[in-house]
Amino acid sequence: PGETWTLDDGSKLEFLGTRPFATLAVRHDPTKTLV
């Protein structure tokens, strides 16, 4: 985090850090109570 990589043509890539992500499952089951 915070470092930079310079490519052969002079372009640069900076690693600024990370953010967490969550995998969500959104669902609707109208008969779950019956089951």
Full PDB file with SEQRES, HELIX, SHEET, SSBOND, CRYST1, ORIGX, SCALE, CONECT and MASTER records, all heavy atoms in Angstrom:
SEQRES   1 A   35  PRO GLY GLU THR TRP THR LEU ASP ASP GLY SER LYS LEU          
SEQRES   2 A   35  GLU PHE LEU GLY THR ARG PRO PHE ALA THR LEU ALA VAL          
SEQRES   3 A   35  ARG HIS ASP PRO THR LYS THR LEU VAL                          
SHEET    1 AA1 2 THR A   4  THR A   6  0                                        
SHEET    2 AA1 2 LYS A  12  GLU A  14 -1                                        
CRYST1    1.000    1.000    1.000  90.00  90.00  90.00 P 1           1          
ORIGX1      1.000000  0.000000  0.000000        0.00000                         
ORIGX2      0.000000  1.000000  0.000000        0.00000                         
ORIGX3      0.000000  0.000000  1.000000        0.00000                         
SCALE1      1.000000  0.000000  0.000000        0.00000                         
SCALE2      0.000000  1.000000  0.000000        0.00000                         
SCALE3      0.000000  0.000000  1.000000        0.00000                         
ATOM      1  N   PRO A   1       0.823  -1.221   0.000  1.00  0.00           N  
ATOM      2  CA  PRO A   1       0.000   0.000   0.000  1.00  0.00           C  
ATOM      3  C   PRO A   1       0.854   1.265   0.000  1.00  0.00           C  
ATOM      4  O   PRO A   1       1.789   1.420   0.798  1.00  0.00           O  
ATOM      5  CB  PRO A   1      -0.815  -0.136   1.292  1.00  0.00           C  
ATOM      6  CG  PRO A   1      -0.904  -1.604   1.521  1.00  0.00           C  
ATOM      7  CD  PRO A   1       0.402  -2.160   1.052  1.00  0.00           C  
ATOM      8  N   GLY A   2       0.539   2.152  -0.943  1.00  0.00           N  
ATOM      9  CA  GLY A   2       1.269   3.401  -1.082  1.00  0.00           C  
ATOM     10  C   GLY A   2       2.378   3.371  -2.104  1.00  0.00           C  
ATOM     11  O   GLY A   2       2.934   4.431  -2.438  1.00  0.00           O  
ATOM     12  N   GLU A   3       2.732   2.204  -2.657  1.00  0.00           N  
ATOM     13  CA  GLU A   3       3.824   2.108  -3.614  1.00  0.00           C  
ATOM     14  C   GLU A   3       3.314   2.296  -5.047  1.00  0.00           C  
ATOM     15  O   GLU A   3       2.126   2.101  -5.333  1.00  0.00           O  
ATOM     16  CB  GLU A   3       4.540   0.767  -3.473  1.00  0.00           C  
ATOM     17  CG  GLU A   3       5.262   0.597  -2.145  1.00  0.00           C  
ATOM     18  CD  GLU A   3       6.038  -0.706  -2.065  1.00  0.00           C  
ATOM     19  OE1 GLU A   3       5.817  -1.587  -2.939  1.00  0.00           O  
ATOM     20  OE2 GLU A   3       6.851  -0.861  -1.136  1.00  0.00           O  
ATOM     21  N   THR A   4       4.258   2.615  -5.941  1.00  0.00           N  
ATOM     22  CA  THR A   4       3.937   2.906  -7.341  1.00  0.00           C  
ATOM     23  C   THR A   4       4.796   2.035  -8.243  1.00  0.00           C  
ATOM     24  O   THR A   4       5.990   1.818  -7.971  1.00  0.00           O  
ATOM     25  CB  THR A   4       4.175   4.388  -7.664  1.00  0.00           C  
ATOM     26  OG1 THR A   4       3.361   5.197  -6.806  1.00  0.00           O  
ATOM     27  CG2 THR A   4       3.821   4.693  -9.109  1.00  0.00           C  
ATOM     28  N   TRP A   5       4.215   1.568  -9.331  1.00  0.00           N  
ATOM     29  CA  TRP A   5       4.934   0.768 -10.327  1.00  0.00           C  
ATOM     30  C   TRP A   5       4.943   1.541 -11.643  1.00  0.00           C  
ATOM     31  O   TRP A   5       3.894   1.900 -12.182  1.00  0.00           O  
ATOM     32  CB  TRP A   5       4.235  -0.586 -10.486  1.00  0.00           C  
ATOM     33  CG  TRP A   5       4.869  -1.514 -11.479  1.00  0.00           C  
ATOM     34  CD1 TRP A   5       6.140  -1.466 -11.962  1.00  0.00           C  
ATOM     35  CD2 TRP A   5       4.257  -2.639 -12.108  1.00  0.00           C  
ATOM     36  NE1 TRP A   5       6.379  -2.480 -12.833  1.00  0.00           N  
ATOM     37  CE2 TRP A   5       5.227  -3.243 -12.945  1.00  0.00           C  
ATOM     38  CE3 TRP A   5       2.987  -3.215 -12.035  1.00  0.00           C  
ATOM     39  CZ2 TRP A   5       4.960  -4.360 -13.712  1.00  0.00           C  
ATOM     40  CZ3 TRP A   5       2.718  -4.340 -12.796  1.00  0.00           C  
ATOM     41  CH2 TRP A   5       3.697  -4.913 -13.628  1.00  0.00           C  
ATOM     42  N   THR A   6       6.128   1.793 -12.193  1.00  0.00           N  
ATOM     43  CA  THR A   6       6.272   2.508 -13.457  1.00  0.00           C  
ATOM     44  C   THR A   6       6.513   1.498 -14.573  1.00  0.00           C  
ATOM     45  O   THR A   6       7.448   0.675 -14.489  1.00  0.00           O  
ATOM     46  CB  THR A   6       7.425   3.504 -13.401  1.00  0.00           C  
ATOM     47  OG1 THR A   6       7.204   4.436 -12.327  1.00  0.00           O  
ATOM     48  CG2 THR A   6       7.551   4.268 -14.714  1.00  0.00           C  
ATOM     49  N   LEU A   7       5.694   1.549 -15.614  1.00  0.00           N  
ATOM     50  CA  LEU A   7       5.819   0.623 -16.735  1.00  0.00           C  
ATOM     51  C   LEU A   7       6.812   1.140 -17.758  1.00  0.00           C  
ATOM     52  O   LEU A   7       7.331   2.267 -17.656  1.00  0.00           O  
ATOM     53  CB  LEU A   7       4.447   0.391 -17.370  1.00  0.00           C  
ATOM     54  CG  LEU A   7       3.372  -0.213 -16.456  1.00  0.00           C  
ATOM     55  CD1 LEU A   7       2.088  -0.418 -17.235  1.00  0.00           C  
ATOM     56  CD2 LEU A   7       3.836  -1.509 -15.832  1.00  0.00           C  
ATOM     57  N   ASP A   8       7.046   0.319 -18.797  1.00  0.00           N  
ATOM     58  CA  ASP A   8       8.075   0.647 -19.785  1.00  0.00           C  
ATOM     59  C   ASP A   8       7.769   1.880 -20.610  1.00  0.00           C  
ATOM     60  O   ASP A   8       8.679   2.512 -21.154  1.00  0.00           O  
ATOM     61  CB  ASP A   8       8.325  -0.561 -20.693  1.00  0.00           C  
ATOM     62  CG  ASP A   8       7.040  -1.028 -21.379  1.00  0.00           C  
ATOM     63  OD1 ASP A   8       5.972  -0.440 -21.101  1.00  0.00           O  
ATOM     64  OD2 ASP A   8       7.107  -1.988 -22.170  1.00  0.00           O  
ATOM     65  N   ASP A   9       6.484   2.254 -20.741  1.00  0.00           N  
ATOM     66  CA  ASP A   9       6.135   3.426 -21.541  1.00  0.00           C  
ATOM     67  C   ASP A   9       5.960   4.672 -20.688  1.00  0.00           C  
ATOM     68  O   ASP A   9       5.479   5.697 -21.180  1.00  0.00           O  
ATOM     69  CB  ASP A   9       4.859   3.159 -22.345  1.00  0.00           C  
ATOM     70  CG  ASP A   9       3.653   2.912 -21.461  1.00  0.00           C  
ATOM     71  OD1 ASP A   9       3.843   2.690 -20.238  1.00  0.00           O  
ATOM     72  OD2 ASP A   9       2.519   2.934 -21.974  1.00  0.00           O  
ATOM     73  N   GLY A  10       6.306   4.581 -19.421  1.00  0.00           N  
ATOM     74  CA  GLY A  10       6.192   5.732 -18.542  1.00  0.00           C  
ATOM     75  C   GLY A  10       4.892   5.819 -17.775  1.00  0.00           C  
ATOM     76  O   GLY A  10       4.746   6.679 -16.890  1.00  0.00           O  
ATOM     77  N   SER A  11       3.904   4.977 -18.091  1.00  0.00           N  
ATOM     78  CA  SER A  11       2.659   4.978 -17.330  1.00  0.00           C  
ATOM     79  C   SER A  11       2.905   4.393 -15.939  1.00  0.00           C  
ATOM     80  O   SER A  11       3.861   3.638 -15.723  1.00  0.00           O  
ATOM     81  CB  SER A  11       1.578   4.188 -18.067  1.00  0.00           C  
ATOM     82  OG  SER A  11       2.008   2.858 -18.317  1.00  0.00           O  
ATOM     83  N   LYS A  12       2.055   4.753 -14.988  1.00  0.00           N  
ATOM     84  CA  LYS A  12       2.255   4.371 -13.594  1.00  0.00           C  
ATOM     85  C   LYS A  12       0.987   3.734 -13.012  1.00  0.00           C  
ATOM     86  O   LYS A  12      -0.123   4.103 -13.389  1.00  0.00           O  
ATOM     87  CB  LYS A  12       2.646   5.595 -12.757  1.00  0.00           C  
ATOM     88  CG  LYS A  12       3.944   6.262 -13.185  1.00  0.00           C  
ATOM     89  CD  LYS A  12       4.229   7.473 -12.315  1.00  0.00           C  
ATOM     90  CE  LYS A  12       5.531   8.156 -12.748  1.00  0.00           C  
ATOM     91  NZ  LYS A  12       5.838   9.343 -11.893  1.00  0.00           N  
ATOM     92  N   LEU A  13       1.211   2.835 -12.090  1.00  0.00           N  
ATOM     93  CA  LEU A  13       0.115   2.224 -11.336  1.00  0.00           C  
ATOM     94  C   LEU A  13       0.414   2.369  -9.850  1.00  0.00           C  
ATOM     95  O   LEU A  13       1.482   1.945  -9.374  1.00  0.00           O  
ATOM     96  CB  LEU A  13      -0.043   0.743 -11.687  1.00  0.00           C  
ATOM     97  CG  LEU A  13      -1.172   0.021 -10.953  1.00  0.00           C  
ATOM     98  CD1 LEU A  13      -2.536   0.484 -11.489  1.00  0.00           C  
ATOM     99  CD2 LEU A  13      -1.051  -1.494 -11.069  1.00  0.00           C  
ATOM    100  N   GLU A  14      -0.512   2.973  -9.119  1.00  0.00           N  
ATOM    101  CA  GLU A  14      -0.359   3.182  -7.674  1.00  0.00           C  
ATOM    102  C   GLU A  14      -1.324   2.262  -6.915  1.00  0.00           C  
ATOM    103  O   GLU A  14      -2.504   2.172  -7.264  1.00  0.00           O  
ATOM    104  CB  GLU A  14      -0.636   4.634  -7.313  1.00  0.00           C  
ATOM    105  CG  GLU A  14       0.284   5.644  -7.969  1.00  0.00           C  
ATOM    106  CD  GLU A  14      -0.121   7.067  -7.646  1.00  0.00           C  
ATOM    107  OE1 GLU A  14       0.081   7.502  -6.500  1.00  0.00           O  
ATOM    108  OE2 GLU A  14      -0.683   7.730  -8.554  1.00  0.00           O  
ATOM    109  N   PHE A  15      -0.781   1.627  -5.895  1.00  0.00           N  
ATOM    110  CA  PHE A  15      -1.592   0.787  -5.002  1.00  0.00           C  
ATOM    111  C   PHE A  15      -1.935   1.640  -3.782  1.00  0.00           C  
ATOM    112  O   PHE A  15      -1.115   1.837  -2.882  1.00  0.00           O  
ATOM    113  CB  PHE A  15      -0.821  -0.461  -4.614  1.00  0.00           C  
ATOM    114  CG  PHE A  15      -1.544  -1.390  -3.672  1.00  0.00           C  
ATOM    115  CD1 PHE A  15      -2.936  -1.421  -3.622  1.00  0.00           C  
ATOM    116  CD2 PHE A  15      -0.842  -2.241  -2.823  1.00  0.00           C  
ATOM    117  CE1 PHE A  15      -3.615  -2.268  -2.757  1.00  0.00           C  
ATOM    118  CE2 PHE A  15      -1.500  -3.101  -1.961  1.00  0.00           C  
ATOM    119  CZ  PHE A  15      -2.888  -3.108  -1.925  1.00  0.00           C  
ATOM    120  N   LEU A  16      -3.178   2.166  -3.758  1.00  0.00           N  
ATOM    121  CA  LEU A  16      -3.587   3.110  -2.719  1.00  0.00           C  
ATOM    122  C   LEU A  16      -4.029   2.435  -1.432  1.00  0.00           C  
ATOM    123  O   LEU A  16      -4.086   3.082  -0.380  1.00  0.00           O  
ATOM    124  CB  LEU A  16      -4.726   3.997  -3.249  1.00  0.00           C  
ATOM    125  CG  LEU A  16      -4.422   4.783  -4.532  1.00  0.00           C  
ATOM    126  CD1 LEU A  16      -5.632   5.617  -4.932  1.00  0.00           C  
ATOM    127  CD2 LEU A  16      -3.200   5.659  -4.334  1.00  0.00           C  
ATOM    128  N   GLY A  17      -4.361   1.163  -1.484  1.00  0.00           N  
ATOM    129  CA  GLY A  17      -4.864   0.461  -0.306  1.00  0.00           C  
ATOM    130  C   GLY A  17      -5.979  -0.491  -0.688  1.00  0.00           C  
ATOM    131  O   GLY A  17      -6.121  -0.870  -1.861  1.00  0.00           O  
ATOM    132  N   THR A  18      -6.795  -0.874   0.273  1.00  0.00           N  
ATOM    133  CA  THR A  18      -7.893  -1.795   0.011  1.00  0.00           C  
ATOM    134  C   THR A  18      -9.158  -1.335   0.723  1.00  0.00           C  
ATOM    135  O   THR A  18      -9.099  -0.552   1.683  1.00  0.00           O  
ATOM    136  CB  THR A  18      -7.564  -3.231   0.485  1.00  0.00           C  
ATOM    137  OG1 THR A  18      -7.358  -3.229   1.892  1.00  0.00           O  
ATOM    138  CG2 THR A  18      -6.348  -3.781  -0.230  1.00  0.00           C  
ATOM    139  N   ARG A  19     -10.253  -1.825   0.223  1.00  0.00           N  
ATOM    140  CA  ARG A  19     -11.544  -1.684   0.897  1.00  0.00           C  
ATOM    141  C   ARG A  19     -12.139  -3.085   1.076  1.00  0.00           C  
ATOM    142  O   ARG A  19     -11.972  -3.945   0.201  1.00  0.00           O  
ATOM    143  CB  ARG A  19     -12.521  -0.848   0.059  1.00  0.00           C  
ATOM    144  CG  ARG A  19     -12.176   0.594  -0.121  1.00  0.00           C  
ATOM    145  CD  ARG A  19     -13.348   1.286  -0.806  1.00  0.00           C  
ATOM    146  NE  ARG A  19     -13.006   2.585  -1.353  1.00  0.00           N  
ATOM    147  CZ  ARG A  19     -13.857   3.327  -2.056  1.00  0.00           C  
ATOM    148  NH1 ARG A  19     -15.085   2.872  -2.284  1.00  0.00           N  
ATOM    149  NH2 ARG A  19     -13.476   4.498  -2.532  1.00  0.00           N  
ATOM    150  N   PRO A  20     -12.838  -3.340   2.184  1.00  0.00           N  
ATOM    151  CA  PRO A  20     -13.503  -4.645   2.330  1.00  0.00           C  
ATOM    152  C   PRO A  20     -14.764  -4.710   1.473  1.00  0.00           C  
ATOM    153  O   PRO A  20     -15.390  -3.680   1.186  1.00  0.00           O  
ATOM    154  CB  PRO A  20     -13.850  -4.701   3.822  1.00  0.00           C  
ATOM    155  CG  PRO A  20     -13.983  -3.271   4.226  1.00  0.00           C  
ATOM    156  CD  PRO A  20     -12.999  -2.501   3.380  1.00  0.00           C  
ATOM    157  N   PHE A  21     -15.094  -5.880   1.053  1.00  0.00           N  
ATOM    158  CA  PHE A  21     -16.371  -6.086   0.367  1.00  0.00           C  
ATOM    159  C   PHE A  21     -17.104  -7.248   1.020  1.00  0.00           C  
ATOM    160  O   PHE A  21     -16.494  -8.107   1.684  1.00  0.00           O  
ATOM    161  CB  PHE A  21     -16.190  -6.329  -1.136  1.00  0.00           C  
ATOM    162  CG  PHE A  21     -15.568  -7.649  -1.503  1.00  0.00           C  
ATOM    163  CD1 PHE A  21     -16.333  -8.824  -1.520  1.00  0.00           C  
ATOM    164  CD2 PHE A  21     -14.231  -7.731  -1.859  1.00  0.00           C  
ATOM    165  CE1 PHE A  21     -15.775 -10.038  -1.872  1.00  0.00           C  
ATOM    166  CE2 PHE A  21     -13.663  -8.943  -2.208  1.00  0.00           C  
ATOM    167  CZ  PHE A  21     -14.432 -10.098  -2.213  1.00  0.00           C  
ATOM    168  N   ALA A  22     -18.417  -7.270   0.850  1.00  0.00           N  
ATOM    169  CA  ALA A  22     -19.278  -8.323   1.383  1.00  0.00           C  
ATOM    170  C   ALA A  22     -20.063  -8.943   0.246  1.00  0.00           C  
ATOM    171  O   ALA A  22     -20.536  -8.228  -0.652  1.00  0.00           O  
ATOM    172  CB  ALA A  22     -20.231  -7.777   2.441  1.00  0.00           C  
ATOM    173  N   THR A  23     -20.190 -10.258   0.285  1.00  0.00           N  
ATOM    174  CA  THR A  23     -21.021 -10.963  -0.690  1.00  0.00           C  
ATOM    175  C   THR A  23     -22.389 -11.184  -0.077  1.00  0.00           C  
ATOM    176  O   THR A  23     -22.510 -11.836   0.964  1.00  0.00           O  
ATOM    177  CB  THR A  23     -20.381 -12.309  -1.070  1.00  0.00           C  
ATOM    178  OG1 THR A  23     -19.050 -12.082  -1.529  1.00  0.00           O  
ATOM    179  CG2 THR A  23     -21.184 -12.981  -2.163  1.00  0.00           C  
ATOM    180  N   LEU A  24     -23.411 -10.638  -0.719  1.00  0.00           N  
ATOM    181  CA  LEU A  24     -24.778 -10.664  -0.187  1.00  0.00           C  
ATOM    182  C   LEU A  24     -25.658 -11.542  -1.050  1.00  0.00           C  
ATOM    183  O   LEU A  24     -25.530 -11.561  -2.282  1.00  0.00           O  
ATOM    184  CB  LEU A  24     -25.355  -9.245  -0.135  1.00  0.00           C  
ATOM    185  CG  LEU A  24     -24.523  -8.181   0.599  1.00  0.00           C  
ATOM    186  CD1 LEU A  24     -25.239  -6.842   0.538  1.00  0.00           C  
ATOM    187  CD2 LEU A  24     -24.255  -8.592   2.031  1.00  0.00           C  
ATOM    188  N   ALA A  25     -26.537 -12.263  -0.396  1.00  0.00           N  
ATOM    189  CA  ALA A  25     -27.577 -13.034  -1.077  1.00  0.00           C  
ATOM    190  C   ALA A  25     -28.924 -12.439  -0.679  1.00  0.00           C  
ATOM    191  O   ALA A  25     -29.323 -12.521   0.489  1.00  0.00           O  
ATOM    192  CB  ALA A  25     -27.505 -14.510  -0.702  1.00  0.00           C  
ATOM    193  N   VAL A  26     -29.589 -11.833  -1.631  1.00  0.00           N  
ATOM    194  CA  VAL A  26     -30.899 -11.219  -1.403  1.00  0.00           C  
ATOM    195  C   VAL A  26     -31.952 -12.155  -1.979  1.00  0.00           C  
ATOM    196  O   VAL A  26     -31.878 -12.531  -3.151  1.00  0.00           O  
ATOM    197  CB  VAL A  26     -30.986  -9.830  -2.065  1.00  0.00           C  
ATOM    198  CG1 VAL A  26     -32.281  -9.136  -1.686  1.00  0.00           C  
ATOM    199  CG2 VAL A  26     -29.784  -8.984  -1.672  1.00  0.00           C  
ATOM    200  N   ARG A  27     -32.922 -12.529  -1.160  1.00  0.00           N  
ATOM    201  CA  ARG A  27     -33.905 -13.481  -1.622  1.00  0.00           C  
ATOM    202  C   ARG A  27     -35.262 -13.205  -0.988  1.00  0.00           C  
ATOM    203  O   ARG A  27     -35.359 -12.559   0.070  1.00  0.00           O  
ATOM    204  CB  ARG A  27     -33.480 -14.915  -1.332  1.00  0.00           C  
ATOM    205  CG  ARG A  27     -33.340 -15.268   0.111  1.00  0.00           C  
ATOM    206  CD  ARG A  27     -32.760 -16.667   0.311  1.00  0.00           C  
ATOM    207  NE  ARG A  27     -33.493 -17.666  -0.414  1.00  0.00           N  
ATOM    208  CZ  ARG A  27     -32.999 -18.338  -1.449  1.00  0.00           C  
ATOM    209  NH1 ARG A  27     -31.776 -18.108  -1.874  1.00  0.00           N  
ATOM    210  NH2 ARG A  27     -33.718 -19.251  -2.055  1.00  0.00           N  
ATOM    211  N   HIS A  28     -36.282 -13.708  -1.666  1.00  0.00           N  
ATOM    212  CA  HIS A  28     -37.658 -13.652  -1.150  1.00  0.00           C  
ATOM    213  C   HIS A  28     -38.307 -14.995  -1.398  1.00  0.00           C  
ATOM    214  O   HIS A  28     -38.384 -15.460  -2.542  1.00  0.00           O  
ATOM    215  CB  HIS A  28     -38.454 -12.545  -1.850  1.00  0.00           C  
ATOM    216  CG  HIS A  28     -39.915 -12.539  -1.490  1.00  0.00           C  
ATOM    217  ND1 HIS A  28     -40.366 -12.350  -0.199  1.00  0.00           N  
ATOM    218  CD2 HIS A  28     -41.031 -12.726  -2.253  1.00  0.00           C  
ATOM    219  CE1 HIS A  28     -41.684 -12.417  -0.181  1.00  0.00           C  
ATOM    220  NE2 HIS A  28     -42.110 -12.643  -1.409  1.00  0.00           N  
ATOM    221  N   ASP A  29     -38.730 -15.631  -0.334  1.00  0.00           N  
ATOM    222  CA  ASP A  29     -39.385 -16.935  -0.413  1.00  0.00           C  
ATOM    223  C   ASP A  29     -40.706 -16.831   0.337  1.00  0.00           C  
ATOM    224  O   ASP A  29     -40.731 -16.915   1.570  1.00  0.00           O  
ATOM    225  CB  ASP A  29     -38.498 -18.024   0.193  1.00  0.00           C  
ATOM    226  CG  ASP A  29     -39.062 -19.417  -0.044  1.00  0.00           C  
ATOM    227  OD1 ASP A  29     -40.173 -19.514  -0.594  1.00  0.00           O  
ATOM    228  OD2 ASP A  29     -38.397 -20.399   0.318  1.00  0.00           O  
ATOM    229  N   PRO A  30     -41.814 -16.630  -0.364  1.00  0.00           N  
ATOM    230  CA  PRO A  30     -43.094 -16.405   0.332  1.00  0.00           C  
ATOM    231  C   PRO A  30     -43.616 -17.631   1.066  1.00  0.00           C  
ATOM    232  O   PRO A  30     -44.522 -17.513   1.885  1.00  0.00           O  
ATOM    233  CB  PRO A  30     -44.042 -15.988  -0.805  1.00  0.00           C  
ATOM    234  CG  PRO A  30     -43.451 -16.601  -2.033  1.00  0.00           C  
ATOM    235  CD  PRO A  30     -41.959 -16.587  -1.831  1.00  0.00           C  
ATOM    236  N   THR A  31     -43.085 -18.799   0.790  1.00  0.00           N  
ATOM    237  CA  THR A  31     -43.610 -20.019   1.413  1.00  0.00           C  
ATOM    238  C   THR A  31     -42.619 -20.645   2.385  1.00  0.00           C  
ATOM    239  O   THR A  31     -42.777 -21.812   2.743  1.00  0.00           O  
ATOM    240  CB  THR A  31     -43.971 -21.041   0.326  1.00  0.00           C  
ATOM    241  OG1 THR A  31     -42.801 -21.337  -0.454  1.00  0.00           O  
ATOM    242  CG2 THR A  31     -45.055 -20.502  -0.593  1.00  0.00           C  
ATOM    243  N   LYS A  32     -41.619 -19.907   2.828  1.00  0.00           N  
ATOM    244  CA  LYS A  32     -40.628 -20.498   3.731  1.00  0.00           C  
ATOM    245  C   LYS A  32     -41.257 -20.895   5.070  1.00  0.00           C  
ATOM    246  O   LYS A  32     -40.852 -21.891   5.675  1.00  0.00           O  
ATOM    247  CB  LYS A  32     -39.466 -19.543   3.946  1.00  0.00           C  
ATOM    248  CG  LYS A  32     -39.836 -18.217   4.590  1.00  0.00           C  
ATOM    249  CD  LYS A  32     -38.617 -17.314   4.718  1.00  0.00           C  
ATOM    250  CE  LYS A  32     -38.984 -15.985   5.353  1.00  0.00           C  
ATOM    251  NZ  LYS A  32     -37.800 -15.081   5.448  1.00  0.00           N  
ATOM    252  N   THR A  33     -42.253 -20.122   5.532  1.00  0.00           N  
ATOM    253  CA  THR A  33     -42.919 -20.491   6.783  1.00  0.00           C  
ATOM    254  C   THR A  33     -43.683 -21.803   6.622  1.00  0.00           C  
ATOM    255  O   THR A  33     -43.665 -22.662   7.519  1.00  0.00           O  
ATOM    256  CB  THR A  33     -43.877 -19.371   7.219  1.00  0.00           C  
ATOM    257  OG1 THR A  33     -43.148 -18.143   7.349  1.00  0.00           O  
ATOM    258  CG2 THR A  33     -44.528 -19.696   8.549  1.00  0.00           C  
ATOM    259  N   LEU A  34     -44.330 -21.966   5.482  1.00  0.00           N  
ATOM    260  CA  LEU A  34     -45.055 -23.209   5.227  1.00  0.00           C  
ATOM    261  C   LEU A  34     -44.090 -24.392   5.142  1.00  0.00           C  
ATOM    262  O   LEU A  34     -44.358 -25.463   5.697  1.00  0.00           O  
ATOM    263  CB  LEU A  34     -45.861 -23.082   3.932  1.00  0.00           C  
ATOM    264  CG  LEU A  34     -46.616 -24.328   3.469  1.00  0.00           C  
ATOM    265  CD1 LEU A  34     -47.672 -24.722   4.493  1.00  0.00           C  
ATOM    266  CD2 LEU A  34     -47.260 -24.093   2.103  1.00  0.00           C  
ATOM    267  N   VAL A  35     -42.974 -24.214   4.473  1.00  0.00           N  
ATOM    268  CA  VAL A  35     -41.993 -25.301   4.355  1.00  0.00           C  
ATOM    269  C   VAL A  35     -41.406 -25.645   5.717  1.00  0.00           C  
ATOM    270  O   VAL A  35     -41.235 -26.822   6.058  1.00  0.00           O  
ATOM    271  CB  VAL A  35     -40.879 -24.907   3.363  1.00  0.00           C  
ATOM    272  CG1 VAL A  35     -39.780 -25.954   3.347  1.00  0.00           C  
ATOM    273  CG2 VAL A  35     -41.468 -24.743   1.962  1.00  0.00           C  
TER     274      VAL A  35                                                      
MASTER        0    0    0    0    2    0    0    6  273    1    0    3          
END                                                                             
